[in-house]
C-alpha atoms as a PDB file:
ATOM      1  CA  MET A   1     -11.785   8.013  13.749  1.00  0.00           C
ATOM      2  CA  CYS A   2     -12.019   4.357  14.991  1.00  0.00           C
ATOM      3  CA  THR A   3      -9.381   2.945  17.213  1.00  0.00           C
ATOM      4  CA  TYR A   4      -8.328  -0.719  17.156  1.00  0.00           C
ATOM      5  CA  THR A   5      -5.648  -2.533  19.350  1.00  0.00           C
ATOM      6  CA  ILE A   6      -3.330  -4.902  17.654  1.00  0.00           C
ATOM      7  CA  SER A   7      -0.460  -7.043  18.908  1.00  0.00           C
ATOM      8  CA  ILE A   8       2.947  -7.368  16.975  1.00  0.00           C
ATOM      9  CA  ASN A   9       5.768  -9.526  17.942  1.00  0.00           C
ATOM     10  CA  ASP A  10       8.422  -7.645  20.034  1.00  0.00           C
ATOM     11  CA  THR A  11      11.192  -9.329  17.990  1.00  0.00           C
ATOM     12  CA  ILE A  12       9.929  -7.727  14.830  1.00  0.00           C
ATOM     13  CA  ILE A  13       9.474  -4.287  16.382  1.00  0.00           C
ATOM     14  CA  ASP A  14      13.011  -4.525  17.656  1.00  0.00           C
ATOM     15  CA  LYS A  15      14.370  -5.147  14.377  1.00  0.00           C
ATOM     16  CA  VAL A  16      12.623  -2.071  12.797  1.00  0.00           C
ATOM     17  CA  ARG A  17      12.774   0.348  15.495  1.00  0.00           C
ATOM     18  CA  PRO A  18      16.323   1.649  14.710  1.00  0.00           C
ATOM     19  CA  ALA A  19      15.102   2.839  11.315  1.00  0.00           C
ATOM     20  CA  PHE A  20      12.838   5.385  12.963  1.00  0.00           C
ATOM     21  CA  ALA A  21      13.777   8.501  14.816  1.00  0.00           C
ATOM     22  CA  ASP A  22      11.600   7.691  17.834  1.00  0.00           C
ATOM     23  CA  GLU A  23       8.400   5.795  18.962  1.00  0.00           C
ATOM     24  CA  ASP A  24       6.051   8.453  17.381  1.00  0.00           C
ATOM     25  CA  ALA A  25       7.712   8.211  13.961  1.00  0.00           C
ATOM     26  CA  LEU A  26       7.360   4.382  14.191  1.00  0.00           C
ATOM     27  CA  SER A  27       3.644   4.753  15.262  1.00  0.00           C
ATOM     28  CA  ASN A  28       2.861   7.248  12.489  1.00  0.00           C
ATOM     29  CA  TRP A  29       4.415   4.936   9.890  1.00  0.00           C
ATOM     30  CA  MET A  30       2.364   2.078  11.080  1.00  0.00           C
ATOM     31  CA  GLN A  31      -0.736   4.059  11.007  1.00  0.00           C
ATOM     32  CA  GLN A  32      -0.061   5.048   7.406  1.00  0.00           C
ATOM     33  CA  GLN A  33       0.724   1.560   6.441  1.00  0.00           C
ATOM     34  CA  MET A  34      -2.451   0.240   7.945  1.00  0.00           C
ATOM     35  CA  GLU A  35      -4.689   2.889   6.088  1.00  0.00           C
ATOM     36  CA  LEU A  36      -2.865   2.183   2.939  1.00  0.00           C
ATOM     37  CA  MET A  37      -3.593  -1.543   3.232  1.00  0.00           C
ATOM     38  CA  LEU A  38      -7.383  -0.846   4.012  1.00  0.00           C
ATOM     39  CA  VAL A  39      -7.708   1.531   1.243  1.00  0.00           C
ATOM     40  CA  ARG A  40      -6.161  -0.971  -1.204  1.00  0.00           C
ATOM     41  CA  TYR A  41      -8.406  -3.785   0.337  1.00  0.00           C
ATOM     42  CA  ALA A  42     -11.519  -1.721   0.099  1.00  0.00           C
ATOM     43  CA  ALA A  43     -10.531  -0.801  -3.505  1.00  0.00           C
ATOM     44  CA  GLY A  44     -10.497  -4.330  -4.389  1.00  0.00           C
ATOM     45  CA  LEU A  45     -14.016  -5.048  -2.930  1.00  0.00           C
ATOM     46  CA  GLU A  46     -15.625  -2.352  -5.225  1.00  0.00           C
ATOM     47  CA  PRO A  47     -17.219  -3.761  -8.241  1.00  0.00           C
ATOM     48  CA  THR A  48     -15.808  -2.414 -11.567  1.00  0.00           C
ATOM     49  CA  LYS A  49     -16.627  -3.199 -14.993  1.00  0.00           C
ATOM     50  CA  LYS A  50     -13.470  -1.422 -16.487  1.00  0.00           C
ATOM     51  CA  HIS A  51     -10.780  -3.257 -14.429  1.00  0.00           C
ATOM     52  CA  LYS A  52     -10.660  -6.854 -13.436  1.00  0.00           C
ATOM     53  CA  GLU A  53      -7.445  -6.377 -11.272  1.00  0.00           C
ATOM     54  CA  PRO A  54      -7.594  -4.714  -7.808  1.00  0.00           C
ATOM     55  CA  LEU A  55      -6.244  -1.189  -7.447  1.00  0.00           C
ATOM     56  CA  SER A  56      -3.112  -2.452  -5.696  1.00  0.00           C
ATOM     57  CA  MET A  57      -2.206  -4.470  -8.864  1.00  0.00           C
ATOM     58  CA  ARG A  58      -2.914  -1.772 -11.169  1.00  0.00           C
ATOM     59  CA  LEU A  59      -0.642   0.728  -9.267  1.00  0.00           C
ATOM     60  CA  ARG A  60       2.047  -1.837  -8.632  1.00  0.00           C
ATOM     61  CA  GLY A  61       5.544  -0.387  -9.103  1.00  0.00           C
ATOM     62  CA  ILE A  62       4.590   3.187  -9.839  1.00  0.00           C
ATOM     63  CA  ALA A  63       6.687   4.473  -6.984  1.00  0.00           C
ATOM     64  CA  ASN A  64       9.776   2.760  -8.461  1.00  0.00           C
ATOM     65  CA  ALA A  65       9.157   3.379 -12.229  1.00  0.00           C
ATOM     66  CA  PRO A  66      11.883   5.174 -14.319  1.00  0.00           C
ATOM     67  CA  LYS A  67      11.388   8.834 -15.011  1.00  0.00           C
ATOM     68  CA  ASP A  68      10.308   8.376 -18.740  1.00  0.00           C
ATOM     69  CA  PHE A  69       8.029   5.277 -17.936  1.00  0.00           C
ATOM     70  CA  ASP A  70       4.756   5.281 -19.826  1.00  0.00           C
ATOM     71  CA  TYR A  71       1.972   4.550 -17.327  1.00  0.00           C
ATOM     72  CA  LYS A  72      -0.794   4.337 -19.778  1.00  0.00           C
ATOM     73  CA  GLN A  73       0.986   2.078 -22.081  1.00  0.00           C
ATOM     74  CA  GLU A  74       1.935  -0.292 -19.219  1.00  0.00           C
ATOM     75  CA  LEU A  75      -1.677  -0.359 -17.973  1.00  0.00           C
ATOM     76  CA  SER A  76      -2.951  -1.272 -21.411  1.00  0.00           C
ATOM     77  CA  ASN A  77      -0.468  -3.749 -21.698  1.00  0.00           C
ATOM     78  CA  ARG A  78      -1.665  -5.421 -18.374  1.00  0.00           C
ATOM     79  CA  ILE A  79      -5.444  -4.860 -18.703  1.00  0.00           C
ATOM     80  CA  GLU A  80      -7.739  -6.033 -21.392  1.00  0.00           C
ATOM     81  CA  LEU A  81     -10.089  -3.221 -22.139  1.00  0.00           C
END
C-alpha cells in the first residue's frame, strides 16, 4: 500500500469532525473517499469502445435511486449504444 501526505484546511476539518465518532472514523472515511475518487478517475482513463462517459457519470445517482428504478433503461437513455 502506498502512503501519501496531504494537507487539509483546519477550518474545514473542524466543521466535519462532529459528524464522526472519533478521529479514526474520520480518517477511515477520508481513506475510503480518496480510494473511491481514484478508482473513478482511473476508470475514466481506461479506453472503452462501448461507453463514452466515464464510470462516475454512468453510475451517478444509483445510491439515491428509487426502489423500482430501472437502471438498464436509464443507462440506455443516457448512452448511445
